[in-house]
């Protein structure tokens, strides 16, 4: 059985690079607005959201940012775990 470790898309650059933001609040807020915009573009008019961001939207984007950072920085370890292999020796 061949186990292929999952990888990020070929373009692993951050779309909203955290380095370019002055605070976590600004990064998560703008990211949440972007995700809402995308969701609204895909939704029918009666299912589109408006008004202030909800705490759930902010929390969802925080999880997405953290998950993406973990996948980018620990890709080798995640691949080994998902393939039931030992962690690399150089893993912390």
C-alpha atoms as a PDB file:
ATOM      1  CA  UNK A   1       0.000   0.000   0.000  1.00  0.00           C
ATOM      2  CA  UNK A   2       1.359   3.378  -1.015  1.00  0.00           C
ATOM      3  CA  UNK A   3       0.735   6.161   1.444  1.00  0.00           C
ATOM      4  CA  UNK A   4       1.023   9.612  -0.028  1.00  0.00           C
ATOM      5  CA  UNK A   5       1.397  12.302   2.522  1.00  0.00           C
ATOM      6  CA  UNK A   6      -1.119  15.062   2.046  1.00  0.00           C
ATOM      7  CA  UNK A   7       0.333  18.346   1.007  1.00  0.00           C
ATOM      8  CA  UNK A   8      -0.857  21.874   0.717  1.00  0.00           C
ATOM      9  CA  UNK A   9      -1.739  23.201  -2.666  1.00  0.00           C
ATOM     10  CA  UNK A  10       1.222  23.945  -4.894  1.00  0.00           C
ATOM     11  CA  UNK A  11       0.916  27.605  -3.984  1.00  0.00           C
ATOM     12  CA  UNK A  12       1.789  27.619  -0.296  1.00  0.00           C
ATOM     13  CA  UNK A  13       2.121  31.375   0.007  1.00  0.00           C
ATOM     14  CA  UNK A  14      -0.240  33.074   2.392  1.00  0.00           C
ATOM     15  CA  UNK A  15      -2.957  35.038   0.655  1.00  0.00           C
ATOM     16  CA  UNK A  16      -3.213  37.339   3.656  1.00  0.00           C
ATOM     17  CA  UNK A  17       0.307  37.012   5.001  1.00  0.00           C
ATOM     18  CA  UNK A  18       0.316  37.507   8.794  1.00  0.00           C
ATOM     19  CA  UNK A  19       3.610  39.389   8.548  1.00  0.00           C
ATOM     20  CA  UNK A  20       1.808  42.176   6.688  1.00  0.00           C
ATOM     21  CA  UNK A  21      -0.668  42.882   9.481  1.00  0.00           C
ATOM     22  CA  UNK A  22      -0.050  44.984  12.565  1.00  0.00           C
ATOM     23  CA  UNK A  23      -2.125  42.795  14.870  1.00  0.00           C
ATOM     24  CA  UNK A  24      -3.886  39.469  15.180  1.00  0.00           C
ATOM     25  CA  UNK A  25      -7.214  41.313  15.421  1.00  0.00           C
ATOM     26  CA  UNK A  26      -6.685  43.084  12.110  1.00  0.00           C
ATOM     27  CA  UNK A  27      -5.553  39.862  10.390  1.00  0.00           C
ATOM     28  CA  UNK A  28      -8.497  37.818  11.638  1.00  0.00           C
ATOM     29  CA  UNK A  29     -10.985  40.593  10.966  1.00  0.00           C
ATOM     30  CA  UNK A  30      -9.906  41.112   7.365  1.00  0.00           C
ATOM     31  CA  UNK A  31      -9.687  37.362   6.757  1.00  0.00           C
ATOM     32  CA  UNK A  32     -13.215  36.912   8.127  1.00  0.00           C
ATOM     33  CA  UNK A  33     -14.504  39.634   5.801  1.00  0.00           C
ATOM     34  CA  UNK A  34     -12.833  37.904   2.843  1.00  0.00           C
ATOM     35  CA  UNK A  35     -14.369  34.535   3.768  1.00  0.00           C
ATOM     36  CA  UNK A  36     -17.782  36.167   4.198  1.00  0.00           C
ATOM     37  CA  UNK A  37     -17.462  37.813   0.786  1.00  0.00           C
ATOM     38  CA  UNK A  38     -16.599  34.470  -0.813  1.00  0.00           C
ATOM     39  CA  UNK A  39     -19.496  32.754   0.976  1.00  0.00           C
ATOM     40  CA  UNK A  40     -21.895  35.519  -0.087  1.00  0.00           C
ATOM     41  CA  UNK A  41     -20.764  35.199  -3.712  1.00  0.00           C
ATOM     42  CA  UNK A  42     -21.606  31.491  -3.601  1.00  0.00           C
ATOM     43  CA  UNK A  43     -24.903  31.841  -1.712  1.00  0.00           C
ATOM     44  CA  UNK A  44     -28.291  32.750  -3.074  1.00  0.00           C
ATOM     45  CA  UNK A  45     -29.460  36.265  -2.258  1.00  0.00           C
ATOM     46  CA  UNK A  46     -31.717  35.144   0.597  1.00  0.00           C
ATOM     47  CA  UNK A  47     -28.854  33.243   2.288  1.00  0.00           C
ATOM     48  CA  UNK A  48     -26.260  36.025   2.139  1.00  0.00           C
ATOM     49  CA  UNK A  49     -25.015  37.524   5.381  1.00  0.00           C
ATOM     50  CA  UNK A  50     -24.738  41.222   6.160  1.00  0.00           C
ATOM     51  CA  UNK A  51     -24.004  43.363   9.169  1.00  0.00           C
ATOM     52  CA  UNK A  52     -21.210  42.898  11.671  1.00  0.00           C
ATOM     53  CA  UNK A  53     -19.052  39.807  11.765  1.00  0.00           C
ATOM     54  CA  UNK A  54     -20.227  37.212  14.250  1.00  0.00           C
ATOM     55  CA  UNK A  55     -17.985  35.730  16.937  1.00  0.00           C
ATOM     56  CA  UNK A  56     -18.365  32.384  15.149  1.00  0.00           C
ATOM     57  CA  UNK A  57     -16.972  33.848  11.911  1.00  0.00           C
ATOM     58  CA  UNK A  58     -13.964  35.265  13.769  1.00  0.00           C
ATOM     59  CA  UNK A  59     -13.358  31.973  15.589  1.00  0.00           C
ATOM     60  CA  UNK A  60     -13.612  29.982  12.350  1.00  0.00           C
ATOM     61  CA  UNK A  61     -11.007  32.149  10.643  1.00  0.00           C
ATOM     62  CA  UNK A  62      -8.683  31.926  13.657  1.00  0.00           C
ATOM     63  CA  UNK A  63      -8.830  28.135  13.449  1.00  0.00           C
ATOM     64  CA  UNK A  64      -8.200  28.271   9.679  1.00  0.00           C
ATOM     65  CA  UNK A  65      -5.134  30.497  10.108  1.00  0.00           C
ATOM     66  CA  UNK A  66      -3.680  28.338  12.885  1.00  0.00           C
ATOM     67  CA  UNK A  67      -4.410  25.111  10.976  1.00  0.00           C
ATOM     68  CA  UNK A  68      -2.779  26.477   7.814  1.00  0.00           C
ATOM     69  CA  UNK A  69       0.325  27.545   9.767  1.00  0.00           C
ATOM     70  CA  UNK A  70       0.576  24.102  11.374  1.00  0.00           C
ATOM     71  CA  UNK A  71       0.184  22.338   8.030  1.00  0.00           C
ATOM     72  CA  UNK A  72       2.849  24.542   6.460  1.00  0.00           C
ATOM     73  CA  UNK A  73       5.370  24.177   9.287  1.00  0.00           C
ATOM     74  CA  UNK A  74       4.748  20.526  10.190  1.00  0.00           C
ATOM     75  CA  UNK A  75       3.931  18.992   6.790  1.00  0.00           C
ATOM     76  CA  UNK A  76       6.495  16.198   7.170  1.00  0.00           C
ATOM     77  CA  UNK A  77       5.263  15.265  10.643  1.00  0.00           C
ATOM     78  CA  UNK A  78       1.602  15.333   9.612  1.00  0.00           C
ATOM     79  CA  UNK A  79       2.357  13.122   6.621  1.00  0.00           C
ATOM     80  CA  UNK A  80       4.178  10.600   8.807  1.00  0.00           C
ATOM     81  CA  UNK A  81       1.333  10.487  11.336  1.00  0.00           C
ATOM     82  CA  UNK A  82      -1.317  10.036   8.648  1.00  0.00           C
ATOM     83  CA  UNK A  83       0.704   7.202   7.079  1.00  0.00           C
ATOM     84  CA  UNK A  84       1.277   5.475  10.458  1.00  0.00           C
ATOM     85  CA  UNK A  85       5.008   6.041  10.219  1.00  0.00           C
ATOM     86  CA  UNK A  86       7.521   7.135  12.809  1.00  0.00           C
ATOM     87  CA  UNK A  87       8.145  10.836  13.173  1.00  0.00           C
ATOM     88  CA  UNK A  88      11.319  12.121  11.532  1.00  0.00           C
ATOM     89  CA  UNK A  89      14.374  12.092  13.807  1.00  0.00           C
ATOM     90  CA  UNK A  90      14.858  15.854  13.371  1.00  0.00           C
ATOM     91  CA  UNK A  91      11.293  16.579  14.540  1.00  0.00           C
ATOM     92  CA  UNK A  92      11.032  18.584  17.729  1.00  0.00           C
END
